[in-house]
C-alpha cells in the first residue's frame, strides 16, 4: 500500500477523532511536528524519504484518540499506550510496518524492554526504538511541541532538562539527535500555528 497523502492523513484523523476538540489538539500537533521535521530535513545532508517523513509525522499520534472516553476526556494515566494504539490503527487500515513504526517508536527518545520492566509501564515488553533516520527525525521533531493544556513549544534545553528524570543515557541520546539534526527555528512555525493553540 502506498503512503497516505496529506489529505488522506487528515481524513484518518477525522475518522478516529472522537470530538472536534480532540481533532484540533492532535492534528494541529501533528501538523506542527511535520513542519519541524520538514525544516530539519531541508538542512540535513542525509538522504531521507520525504513522503515517509511527512506521513509519519502527520500520523505519529493518531493513537491518542483511542484514549478519549465517551465524555471526551483524555485518559492521561494510559497515555504511554498511545504509540502502540496508533500502530494498531494503522495496521487495521492496511498501512505498512514502515509507517506504523512512527506511532510505536516515537515516545520520549525511545523505550527499551528494560525501561518497560523497570518503570512498570503498561506496554507489551519490547523495544520501541526509532531505528531509521526518518523515524529518528520525527521522534526528535516531536520533542519541540507538547499537547499540554495549553499546548506549547519547547526548546532543546527545556526538553533535555525534562529528560534528566529518566537518566543520563536518555539525555545523551537526545543530544546525539540534536547534533545529527540541529535545533529547529520555531519562530515562523509558532507564528503560523499560534492562533490555533488557544
N, C-alpha and C. Protein backbone atom coordinates (compact mmCIF):
# COMPACT_ATOMS: atom_id res chain seq x y z
N UNK A 1 0.84 -1.19 0.00
CA UNK A 1 0.00 0.00 0.00
C UNK A 1 0.88 1.24 0.00
N UNK A 2 0.47 2.24 -0.75
CA UNK A 2 1.22 3.49 -0.81
C UNK A 2 1.00 4.30 0.46
N UNK A 3 1.88 5.26 0.66
CA UNK A 3 1.76 6.14 1.82
C UNK A 3 0.61 7.12 1.61
N UNK A 4 -0.04 7.51 2.70
CA UNK A 4 -1.16 8.46 2.56
C UNK A 4 -0.67 9.86 2.21
N UNK A 5 -1.46 10.57 1.45
CA UNK A 5 -1.20 11.98 1.17
C UNK A 5 -1.56 12.79 2.41
N UNK A 6 -1.25 14.07 2.37
CA UNK A 6 -1.64 14.96 3.48
C UNK A 6 -3.15 14.92 3.67
N UNK A 7 -3.90 14.96 2.58
CA UNK A 7 -5.36 14.94 2.67
C UNK A 7 -5.87 13.62 3.25
N UNK A 8 -5.25 12.52 2.86
CA UNK A 8 -5.65 11.21 3.39
C UNK A 8 -5.29 11.08 4.86
N UNK A 9 -4.17 11.65 5.27
CA UNK A 9 -3.80 11.64 6.69
C UNK A 9 -4.83 12.43 7.50
N UNK A 10 -5.21 13.58 6.99
CA UNK A 10 -6.24 14.40 7.66
C UNK A 10 -7.55 13.62 7.77
N UNK A 11 -7.93 12.92 6.71
CA UNK A 11 -9.17 12.14 6.73
C UNK A 11 -9.10 11.03 7.78
N UNK A 12 -7.94 10.42 7.97
CA UNK A 12 -7.80 9.41 9.02
C UNK A 12 -7.99 10.02 10.40
N UNK A 13 -7.42 11.19 10.61
CA UNK A 13 -7.62 11.89 11.89
C UNK A 13 -9.11 12.17 12.10
N UNK A 14 -9.79 12.62 11.07
CA UNK A 14 -11.22 12.92 11.20
C UNK A 14 -12.02 11.65 11.48
N UNK A 15 -11.59 10.54 10.92
CA UNK A 15 -12.28 9.27 11.14
C UNK A 15 -12.18 8.81 12.59
N UNK A 16 -11.02 9.00 13.21
CA UNK A 16 -10.79 8.45 14.55
C UNK A 16 -10.98 9.45 15.69
N UNK A 17 -10.96 10.74 15.40
CA UNK A 17 -11.11 11.74 16.46
C UNK A 17 -12.52 11.66 17.05
N UNK A 18 -12.65 11.52 18.38
CA UNK A 18 -13.97 11.41 18.98
C UNK A 18 -14.71 12.74 19.08
N UNK A 19 -13.96 13.85 19.08
CA UNK A 19 -14.57 15.18 19.18
C UNK A 19 -13.78 16.16 18.31
N UNK A 20 -14.39 17.29 18.03
CA UNK A 20 -13.70 18.35 17.29
C UNK A 20 -12.50 18.87 18.08
N UNK A 21 -12.65 18.96 19.40
CA UNK A 21 -11.56 19.45 20.24
C UNK A 21 -10.37 18.51 20.19
N UNK A 22 -10.64 17.20 20.22
CA UNK A 22 -9.56 16.22 20.13
C UNK A 22 -8.86 16.32 18.78
N UNK A 23 -9.63 16.46 17.71
CA UNK A 23 -9.06 16.61 16.38
C UNK A 23 -8.17 17.84 16.31
N UNK A 24 -8.66 18.96 16.81
CA UNK A 24 -7.88 20.20 16.77
C UNK A 24 -6.57 20.05 17.53
N UNK A 25 -6.62 19.44 18.70
CA UNK A 25 -5.42 19.27 19.52
C UNK A 25 -4.41 18.35 18.84
N UNK A 26 -4.85 17.16 18.47
CA UNK A 26 -3.92 16.14 17.98
C UNK A 26 -3.47 16.44 16.55
N UNK A 27 -4.39 16.79 15.68
CA UNK A 27 -3.98 17.02 14.30
C UNK A 27 -3.11 18.27 14.18
N UNK A 28 -3.44 19.32 14.92
CA UNK A 28 -2.60 20.51 14.88
C UNK A 28 -1.18 20.17 15.35
N UNK A 29 -1.07 19.39 16.42
CA UNK A 29 0.24 18.96 16.89
C UNK A 29 0.98 18.20 15.79
N UNK A 30 0.30 17.29 15.13
CA UNK A 30 0.94 16.51 14.06
C UNK A 30 1.38 17.40 12.90
N UNK A 31 0.57 18.40 12.56
CA UNK A 31 0.97 19.35 11.52
C UNK A 31 2.23 20.11 11.93
N UNK A 32 2.28 20.52 13.19
CA UNK A 32 3.45 21.25 13.70
C UNK A 32 4.69 20.37 13.63
N UNK A 33 4.57 19.12 14.05
CA UNK A 33 5.71 18.21 14.01
C UNK A 33 6.14 17.97 12.56
N UNK A 34 5.20 17.91 11.66
CA UNK A 34 5.52 17.76 10.24
C UNK A 34 6.32 18.97 9.76
N UNK A 35 5.91 20.18 10.12
CA UNK A 35 6.63 21.40 9.71
C UNK A 35 8.06 21.41 10.29
N UNK A 36 8.18 21.02 11.56
CA UNK A 36 9.50 20.98 12.18
C UNK A 36 10.38 19.95 11.47
N UNK A 37 9.83 18.77 11.22
CA UNK A 37 10.60 17.72 10.54
C UNK A 37 11.01 18.16 9.14
N UNK A 38 10.11 18.81 8.41
CA UNK A 38 10.44 19.29 7.06
C UNK A 38 11.56 20.32 7.12
N UNK A 39 11.50 21.21 8.10
CA UNK A 39 12.54 22.23 8.24
C UNK A 39 13.90 21.57 8.51
N UNK A 40 13.93 20.63 9.45
CA UNK A 40 15.17 19.95 9.79
C UNK A 40 15.68 19.11 8.61
N UNK A 41 14.75 18.48 7.91
CA UNK A 41 15.11 17.64 6.77
C UNK A 41 15.77 18.47 5.66
N UNK A 42 15.30 19.69 5.48
CA UNK A 42 15.85 20.56 4.45
C UNK A 42 17.30 20.96 4.76
N UNK A 43 17.69 20.87 6.02
CA UNK A 43 19.05 21.30 6.41
C UNK A 43 20.02 20.14 6.58
N UNK A 44 19.54 18.91 6.53
CA UNK A 44 20.44 17.78 6.76
C UNK A 44 21.08 17.29 5.47
N UNK A 45 22.25 16.67 5.61
CA UNK A 45 22.93 16.08 4.46
C UNK A 45 22.44 14.66 4.21
N UNK A 46 21.66 14.12 5.14
CA UNK A 46 21.15 12.76 4.99
C UNK A 46 20.14 12.68 3.85
N UNK A 47 20.14 11.57 3.15
CA UNK A 47 19.16 11.33 2.10
C UNK A 47 17.95 10.65 2.75
N UNK A 48 16.87 11.39 2.91
CA UNK A 48 15.69 10.89 3.60
C UNK A 48 14.51 10.76 2.64
N UNK A 49 13.61 9.85 2.97
CA UNK A 49 12.37 9.66 2.21
C UNK A 49 11.37 10.72 2.68
N UNK A 50 11.23 11.78 1.90
CA UNK A 50 10.39 12.91 2.28
C UNK A 50 8.94 12.50 2.51
N UNK A 51 8.40 11.69 1.62
CA UNK A 51 6.99 11.27 1.76
C UNK A 51 6.79 10.44 3.03
N UNK A 52 7.75 9.62 3.37
CA UNK A 52 7.65 8.80 4.58
C UNK A 52 7.73 9.67 5.83
N UNK A 53 8.64 10.62 5.84
CA UNK A 53 8.76 11.54 6.98
C UNK A 53 7.45 12.32 7.16
N UNK A 54 6.91 12.82 6.07
CA UNK A 54 5.68 13.62 6.14
C UNK A 54 4.51 12.77 6.67
N UNK A 55 4.34 11.58 6.11
CA UNK A 55 3.24 10.71 6.55
C UNK A 55 3.45 10.28 8.00
N UNK A 56 4.69 9.94 8.35
CA UNK A 56 4.97 9.53 9.73
C UNK A 56 4.70 10.63 10.73
N UNK A 57 5.09 11.85 10.39
CA UNK A 57 4.85 12.99 11.28
C UNK A 57 3.35 13.26 11.43
N UNK A 58 2.63 13.20 10.32
CA UNK A 58 1.19 13.51 10.36
C UNK A 58 0.37 12.45 11.09
N UNK A 59 0.89 11.23 11.20
CA UNK A 59 0.11 10.15 11.81
C UNK A 59 0.70 9.61 13.11
N UNK A 60 1.84 10.14 13.56
CA UNK A 60 2.52 9.53 14.71
C UNK A 60 1.67 9.49 15.98
N UNK A 61 0.75 10.42 16.14
CA UNK A 61 -0.05 10.49 17.38
C UNK A 61 -1.51 10.07 17.19
N UNK A 62 -1.83 9.39 16.11
CA UNK A 62 -3.23 9.04 15.86
C UNK A 62 -3.80 8.14 16.95
N UNK A 63 -2.95 7.40 17.64
CA UNK A 63 -3.41 6.53 18.71
C UNK A 63 -3.97 7.26 19.92
N UNK A 64 -3.67 8.55 20.05
CA UNK A 64 -4.19 9.33 21.18
C UNK A 64 -5.71 9.30 21.21
N UNK A 65 -6.34 9.25 20.05
CA UNK A 65 -7.81 9.26 20.00
C UNK A 65 -8.42 8.07 20.74
N UNK A 66 -7.72 6.95 20.80
CA UNK A 66 -8.24 5.78 21.49
C UNK A 66 -8.23 5.94 23.01
N UNK A 67 -7.66 7.02 23.50
CA UNK A 67 -7.57 7.25 24.95
C UNK A 67 -8.65 8.20 25.45
N UNK A 68 -9.54 8.64 24.57
CA UNK A 68 -10.64 9.51 24.98
C UNK A 68 -11.84 8.67 25.39
N UNK A 69 -12.50 9.07 26.48
CA UNK A 69 -13.71 8.36 26.89
C UNK A 69 -14.94 8.96 26.19
N UNK A 70 -16.12 8.42 26.50
CA UNK A 70 -17.35 8.86 25.84
C UNK A 70 -17.70 10.31 26.14
N UNK A 71 -17.17 10.84 27.24
CA UNK A 71 -17.44 12.23 27.61
C UNK A 71 -16.41 13.19 27.00
N UNK A 72 -15.47 12.64 26.22
CA UNK A 72 -14.47 13.48 25.59
C UNK A 72 -13.28 13.80 26.46
N UNK A 73 -13.10 13.04 27.55
CA UNK A 73 -11.97 13.26 28.45
C UNK A 73 -10.82 12.33 28.07
N UNK A 74 -9.60 12.86 28.09
CA UNK A 74 -8.41 12.09 27.76
C UNK A 74 -7.93 11.34 28.99
N UNK A 75 -7.68 10.04 28.84
CA UNK A 75 -7.16 9.21 29.93
C UNK A 75 -5.65 9.38 29.99
N UNK A 76 -5.19 10.34 30.79
CA UNK A 76 -3.75 10.62 30.90
C UNK A 76 -2.99 9.47 31.53
N UNK A 77 -3.65 8.68 32.37
CA UNK A 77 -2.96 7.59 33.06
C UNK A 77 -2.52 6.48 32.10
N UNK A 78 -3.16 6.39 30.95
CA UNK A 78 -2.80 5.37 29.96
C UNK A 78 -2.08 5.96 28.75
N UNK A 79 -1.63 7.20 28.87
CA UNK A 79 -1.06 7.91 27.72
C UNK A 79 0.14 7.17 27.11
N UNK A 80 0.90 6.47 27.93
CA UNK A 80 2.08 5.75 27.44
C UNK A 80 1.70 4.75 26.33
N UNK A 81 0.43 4.36 26.27
CA UNK A 81 -0.03 3.38 25.29
C UNK A 81 -0.40 3.98 23.93
N UNK A 82 -0.37 5.29 23.81
CA UNK A 82 -0.87 5.89 22.57
C UNK A 82 -0.07 5.45 21.34
N UNK A 83 1.19 5.17 21.50
CA UNK A 83 2.00 4.73 20.36
C UNK A 83 1.60 3.37 19.84
N UNK A 84 1.43 2.41 20.76
CA UNK A 84 1.03 1.06 20.31
C UNK A 84 -0.41 1.08 19.80
N UNK A 85 -1.24 1.96 20.35
CA UNK A 85 -2.61 2.08 19.85
C UNK A 85 -2.63 2.65 18.43
N UNK A 86 -1.77 3.61 18.16
CA UNK A 86 -1.66 4.16 16.82
C UNK A 86 -1.13 3.14 15.84
N UNK A 87 -0.16 2.35 16.27
CA UNK A 87 0.39 1.28 15.44
C UNK A 87 -0.72 0.33 15.03
N UNK A 88 -1.60 0.01 15.98
CA UNK A 88 -2.71 -0.90 15.70
C UNK A 88 -3.73 -0.27 14.74
N UNK A 89 -4.02 1.01 14.91
CA UNK A 89 -4.94 1.69 13.99
C UNK A 89 -4.41 1.61 12.57
N UNK A 90 -3.15 1.93 12.39
CA UNK A 90 -2.57 1.92 11.04
C UNK A 90 -2.48 0.51 10.49
N UNK A 91 -2.29 -0.48 11.35
CA UNK A 91 -2.31 -1.88 10.90
C UNK A 91 -3.69 -2.23 10.38
N UNK A 92 -4.72 -1.86 11.15
CA UNK A 92 -6.10 -2.14 10.73
C UNK A 92 -6.46 -1.43 9.43
N UNK A 93 -5.85 -0.28 9.20
CA UNK A 93 -6.10 0.49 7.97
C UNK A 93 -5.30 -0.06 6.79
N UNK A 94 -4.42 -1.04 7.05
CA UNK A 94 -3.68 -1.67 5.97
C UNK A 94 -2.36 -1.01 5.60
N UNK A 95 -1.86 -0.12 6.45
CA UNK A 95 -0.60 0.55 6.15
C UNK A 95 0.59 -0.32 6.51
N UNK A 96 1.71 -0.13 5.81
CA UNK A 96 2.89 -0.97 6.04
C UNK A 96 3.56 -0.69 7.38
N UNK A 97 4.33 -1.67 7.83
CA UNK A 97 5.06 -1.55 9.09
C UNK A 97 5.97 -0.33 9.10
N UNK A 98 6.56 0.02 7.99
CA UNK A 98 7.49 1.16 7.96
C UNK A 98 6.79 2.46 8.32
N UNK A 99 5.47 2.55 8.12
CA UNK A 99 4.71 3.72 8.56
C UNK A 99 4.20 3.53 9.98
N UNK A 100 3.74 2.34 10.31
CA UNK A 100 3.19 2.08 11.65
C UNK A 100 4.22 2.34 12.74
N UNK A 101 5.50 2.09 12.44
CA UNK A 101 6.55 2.27 13.45
C UNK A 101 6.68 3.72 13.92
N UNK A 102 6.25 4.68 13.13
CA UNK A 102 6.32 6.07 13.57
C UNK A 102 5.43 6.28 14.80
N UNK A 103 4.36 5.51 14.91
CA UNK A 103 3.49 5.59 16.08
C UNK A 103 4.15 4.95 17.30
N UNK A 104 4.59 3.72 17.15
CA UNK A 104 5.06 2.96 18.31
C UNK A 104 6.48 3.29 18.74
N UNK A 105 7.24 4.00 17.92
CA UNK A 105 8.65 4.23 18.23
C UNK A 105 9.03 5.69 18.38
N UNK A 106 8.10 6.56 18.81
CA UNK A 106 8.43 7.98 18.95
C UNK A 106 8.37 8.48 20.38
N UNK A 107 7.97 7.65 21.33
CA UNK A 107 7.79 8.10 22.71
C UNK A 107 9.13 8.40 23.36
N UNK A 108 9.22 9.59 23.95
CA UNK A 108 10.49 10.02 24.55
C UNK A 108 11.57 9.99 23.49
N UNK A 109 12.72 9.40 23.85
CA UNK A 109 13.78 9.18 22.86
C UNK A 109 13.94 7.68 22.65
N UNK A 110 12.82 6.97 22.83
CA UNK A 110 12.80 5.53 22.65
C UNK A 110 12.63 4.81 23.97
N UNK A 111 11.89 3.72 23.93
CA UNK A 111 11.67 2.89 25.11
C UNK A 111 12.25 1.51 24.86
N UNK A 112 12.97 1.00 25.84
CA UNK A 112 13.56 -0.34 25.74
C UNK A 112 12.77 -1.31 26.62
N UNK A 113 13.04 -2.58 26.41
CA UNK A 113 12.46 -3.61 27.29
C UNK A 113 12.79 -3.31 28.74
N UNK A 114 14.03 -2.90 28.96
CA UNK A 114 14.48 -2.57 30.32
C UNK A 114 13.65 -1.41 30.89
N UNK A 115 13.42 -0.37 30.10
CA UNK A 115 12.60 0.77 30.55
C UNK A 115 11.21 0.29 30.96
N UNK A 116 10.62 -0.58 30.15
CA UNK A 116 9.26 -1.04 30.40
C UNK A 116 9.19 -1.85 31.69
N UNK A 117 10.14 -2.73 31.87
CA UNK A 117 10.16 -3.54 33.10
C UNK A 117 10.48 -2.68 34.33
N UNK A 118 11.52 -1.86 34.21
CA UNK A 118 12.00 -1.05 35.33
C UNK A 118 10.94 -0.05 35.79
N UNK A 119 10.26 0.58 34.83
CA UNK A 119 9.26 1.60 35.16
C UNK A 119 7.85 1.03 35.27
N UNK A 120 7.73 -0.28 35.04
CA UNK A 120 6.43 -0.97 35.08
C UNK A 120 5.40 -0.27 34.20
N UNK A 121 5.81 -0.04 32.96
CA UNK A 121 4.95 0.64 32.00
C UNK A 121 3.91 -0.32 31.46
N UNK A 122 2.73 0.21 31.21
CA UNK A 122 1.61 -0.60 30.69
C UNK A 122 1.75 -0.77 29.18
N UNK A 123 2.77 -1.53 28.79
CA UNK A 123 3.06 -1.79 27.39
C UNK A 123 3.52 -3.23 27.23
N UNK A 124 3.26 -3.84 26.08
CA UNK A 124 3.87 -5.15 25.82
C UNK A 124 5.39 -4.99 25.89
N UNK A 125 6.06 -5.93 26.54
CA UNK A 125 7.51 -5.81 26.71
C UNK A 125 8.19 -6.02 25.37
N UNK A 126 8.81 -4.95 24.88
CA UNK A 126 9.52 -4.95 23.60
C UNK A 126 10.37 -3.69 23.56
N UNK A 127 11.22 -3.59 22.55
CA UNK A 127 11.97 -2.36 22.31
C UNK A 127 11.18 -1.50 21.33
N UNK A 128 10.93 -0.26 21.71
CA UNK A 128 10.24 0.70 20.86
C UNK A 128 11.23 1.83 20.56
N UNK A 129 12.12 1.57 19.63
CA UNK A 129 13.22 2.47 19.34
C UNK A 129 13.18 2.93 17.89
N UNK A 130 13.36 4.22 17.68
CA UNK A 130 13.47 4.75 16.32
C UNK A 130 14.79 4.25 15.73
N UNK A 131 14.72 3.55 14.61
CA UNK A 131 15.89 2.93 14.02
C UNK A 131 16.35 3.67 12.77
N UNK A 132 15.44 3.92 11.85
CA UNK A 132 15.81 4.59 10.61
C UNK A 132 16.00 6.09 10.85
N UNK A 133 16.70 6.75 9.96
CA UNK A 133 16.89 8.20 10.08
C UNK A 133 15.55 8.92 10.02
N UNK A 134 14.62 8.41 9.22
CA UNK A 134 13.29 9.03 9.14
C UNK A 134 12.56 8.94 10.47
N UNK A 135 12.60 7.75 11.11
CA UNK A 135 11.97 7.58 12.42
C UNK A 135 12.63 8.46 13.47
N UNK A 136 13.94 8.54 13.43
CA UNK A 136 14.67 9.36 14.40
C UNK A 136 14.33 10.83 14.23
N UNK A 137 14.21 11.27 12.99
CA UNK A 137 13.89 12.67 12.73
C UNK A 137 12.52 13.03 13.29
N UNK A 138 11.52 12.21 13.02
CA UNK A 138 10.17 12.52 13.51
C UNK A 138 10.13 12.44 15.03
N UNK A 139 10.77 11.43 15.62
CA UNK A 139 10.82 11.32 17.08
C UNK A 139 11.46 12.58 17.67
N UNK A 140 12.56 13.04 17.08
CA UNK A 140 13.26 14.22 17.56
C UNK A 140 12.40 15.48 17.38
N UNK A 141 11.80 15.65 16.22
CA UNK A 141 10.95 16.82 15.96
C UNK A 141 9.80 16.91 16.96
N UNK A 142 9.29 15.75 17.36
CA UNK A 142 8.17 15.67 18.30
C UNK A 142 8.50 16.26 19.67
N UNK A 143 9.78 16.37 19.99
CA UNK A 143 10.18 16.86 21.31
C UNK A 143 10.04 18.38 21.43
N UNK A 144 9.78 19.07 20.32
CA UNK A 144 9.74 20.53 20.33
C UNK A 144 8.34 21.12 20.44
N UNK A 145 7.33 20.24 20.60
CA UNK A 145 5.97 20.74 20.81
C UNK A 145 5.21 19.77 21.68
N UNK A 146 4.47 20.31 22.63
CA UNK A 146 3.72 19.49 23.57
C UNK A 146 2.22 19.78 23.45
N UNK A 147 1.42 18.72 23.61
CA UNK A 147 -0.04 18.86 23.56
C UNK A 147 -0.61 19.18 24.94
N UNK A 148 0.20 19.69 25.85
CA UNK A 148 -0.30 20.04 27.17
C UNK A 148 -1.40 21.08 27.06
N UNK A 149 -2.02 21.40 28.16
CA UNK A 149 -3.07 22.41 28.16
C UNK A 149 -2.55 23.66 28.88
N UNK A 150 -2.26 24.73 28.16
CA UNK A 150 -2.36 24.86 26.71
C UNK A 150 -1.13 24.23 26.03
N UNK A 151 -1.26 23.90 24.73
CA UNK A 151 -0.11 23.36 24.00
C UNK A 151 1.03 24.38 24.00
N UNK A 152 2.28 23.88 23.92
CA UNK A 152 3.41 24.81 23.93
C UNK A 152 4.58 24.26 23.15
N UNK A 153 5.40 25.19 22.68
CA UNK A 153 6.65 24.85 22.01
C UNK A 153 7.75 24.74 23.06
N UNK A 154 8.71 23.86 22.80
CA UNK A 154 9.81 23.62 23.74
C UNK A 154 11.14 23.85 23.04
N UNK A 155 12.13 24.28 23.81
CA UNK A 155 13.49 24.37 23.30
C UNK A 155 14.20 23.06 23.59
N UNK A 156 15.35 22.86 22.96
CA UNK A 156 16.15 21.67 23.23
C UNK A 156 16.56 21.64 24.70
N UNK A 157 16.91 22.78 25.25
CA UNK A 157 17.32 22.85 26.66
C UNK A 157 16.21 22.43 27.61
N UNK A 158 15.00 22.89 27.35
CA UNK A 158 13.87 22.51 28.20
C UNK A 158 13.59 21.02 28.12
N UNK A 159 13.65 20.45 26.91
CA UNK A 159 13.38 19.02 26.80
C UNK A 159 14.48 18.20 27.44
N UNK A 160 15.72 18.61 27.27
CA UNK A 160 16.83 17.88 27.90
C UNK A 160 16.69 17.91 29.42
N UNK A 161 16.27 19.03 29.97
CA UNK A 161 16.06 19.13 31.42
C UNK A 161 14.95 18.18 31.87
N UNK A 162 13.89 18.10 31.10
CA UNK A 162 12.79 17.18 31.40
C UNK A 162 13.29 15.73 31.38
N UNK A 163 14.15 15.40 30.42
CA UNK A 163 14.65 14.03 30.28
C UNK A 163 15.52 13.57 31.44
N UNK A 164 16.09 14.51 32.16
CA UNK A 164 17.00 14.16 33.25
C UNK A 164 16.40 13.13 34.20
N UNK A 165 15.12 13.21 34.45
CA UNK A 165 14.47 12.30 35.41
C UNK A 165 14.49 10.85 34.92
N UNK A 166 14.72 10.64 33.61
CA UNK A 166 14.75 9.29 33.06
C UNK A 166 16.16 8.75 32.88
N UNK A 167 17.16 9.56 33.25
CA UNK A 167 18.54 9.07 33.24
C UNK A 167 19.42 9.78 32.22
N UNK A 168 20.71 9.78 32.53
CA UNK A 168 21.67 10.47 31.67
C UNK A 168 21.78 9.82 30.29
N UNK A 169 21.49 8.52 30.19
CA UNK A 169 21.55 7.86 28.88
C UNK A 169 20.50 8.44 27.93
N UNK A 170 19.32 8.79 28.47
CA UNK A 170 18.27 9.38 27.63
C UNK A 170 18.68 10.79 27.17
N UNK A 171 19.30 11.55 28.07
CA UNK A 171 19.77 12.88 27.72
C UNK A 171 20.85 12.78 26.64
N UNK A 172 21.74 11.81 26.78
CA UNK A 172 22.80 11.61 25.78
C UNK A 172 22.21 11.25 24.43
N UNK A 173 21.18 10.41 24.41
CA UNK A 173 20.52 10.07 23.15
C UNK A 173 19.93 11.31 22.51
N UNK A 174 19.28 12.15 23.32
CA UNK A 174 18.69 13.39 22.79
C UNK A 174 19.77 14.30 22.22
N UNK A 175 20.89 14.43 22.92
CA UNK A 175 21.97 15.29 22.44
C UNK A 175 22.57 14.77 21.13
N UNK A 176 22.64 13.45 20.97
CA UNK A 176 23.11 12.88 19.71
C UNK A 176 22.17 13.25 18.56
N UNK A 177 20.87 13.21 18.83
CA UNK A 177 19.89 13.62 17.81
C UNK A 177 20.03 15.10 17.50
N UNK A 178 20.28 15.88 18.52
CA UNK A 178 20.45 17.33 18.33
C UNK A 178 21.67 17.62 17.44
N UNK A 179 22.75 16.90 17.65
CA UNK A 179 23.94 17.06 16.81
C UNK A 179 23.63 16.61 15.38
N UNK A 180 22.90 15.51 15.25
CA UNK A 180 22.60 14.96 13.94
C UNK A 180 21.68 15.86 13.12
N UNK A 181 20.64 16.41 13.76
CA UNK A 181 19.62 17.14 13.01
C UNK A 181 19.61 18.65 13.25
N UNK A 182 20.28 19.12 14.28
CA UNK A 182 20.26 20.54 14.60
C UNK A 182 19.03 20.91 15.40
N UNK A 183 18.95 22.17 15.75
CA UNK A 183 17.78 22.65 16.51
C UNK A 183 16.89 23.46 15.58
N UNK A 184 15.59 23.21 15.60
CA UNK A 184 14.71 23.94 14.68
C UNK A 184 14.56 25.40 15.05
N UNK A 185 14.26 26.19 14.05
CA UNK A 185 13.91 27.59 14.25
C UNK A 185 12.38 27.62 14.36
N UNK A 186 11.89 27.88 15.55
CA UNK A 186 10.46 27.72 15.82
C UNK A 186 9.63 28.99 15.62
N UNK A 187 10.27 30.12 15.43
CA UNK A 187 9.51 31.38 15.38
C UNK A 187 8.45 31.38 14.29
N UNK A 188 8.82 31.01 13.07
CA UNK A 188 7.85 31.03 11.96
C UNK A 188 6.75 30.00 12.18
N UNK A 189 7.12 28.84 12.70
CA UNK A 189 6.12 27.79 12.94
C UNK A 189 5.18 28.23 14.06
N UNK A 190 5.73 28.84 15.10
CA UNK A 190 4.90 29.36 16.20
C UNK A 190 3.94 30.41 15.68
N UNK A 191 4.44 31.29 14.81
CA UNK A 191 3.57 32.33 14.24
C UNK A 191 2.47 31.72 13.38
N UNK A 192 2.84 30.70 12.60
CA UNK A 192 1.86 30.05 11.72
C UNK A 192 0.73 29.38 12.49
N UNK A 193 1.08 28.74 13.59
CA UNK A 193 0.09 27.94 14.32
C UNK A 193 -0.38 28.59 15.62
N UNK A 194 0.18 29.72 15.97
CA UNK A 194 -0.14 30.36 17.25
C UNK A 194 -1.62 30.60 17.46
N UNK A 195 -2.32 31.01 16.42
CA UNK A 195 -3.75 31.29 16.55
C UNK A 195 -4.57 30.03 16.78
N UNK A 196 -3.97 28.85 16.51
CA UNK A 196 -4.70 27.59 16.70
C UNK A 196 -4.32 26.92 18.00
N UNK A 197 -3.50 27.56 18.82
CA UNK A 197 -3.02 26.94 20.04
C UNK A 197 -3.82 27.36 21.27
N UNK A 198 -4.76 28.24 21.12
CA UNK A 198 -5.53 28.69 22.28
C UNK A 198 -6.62 27.72 22.65
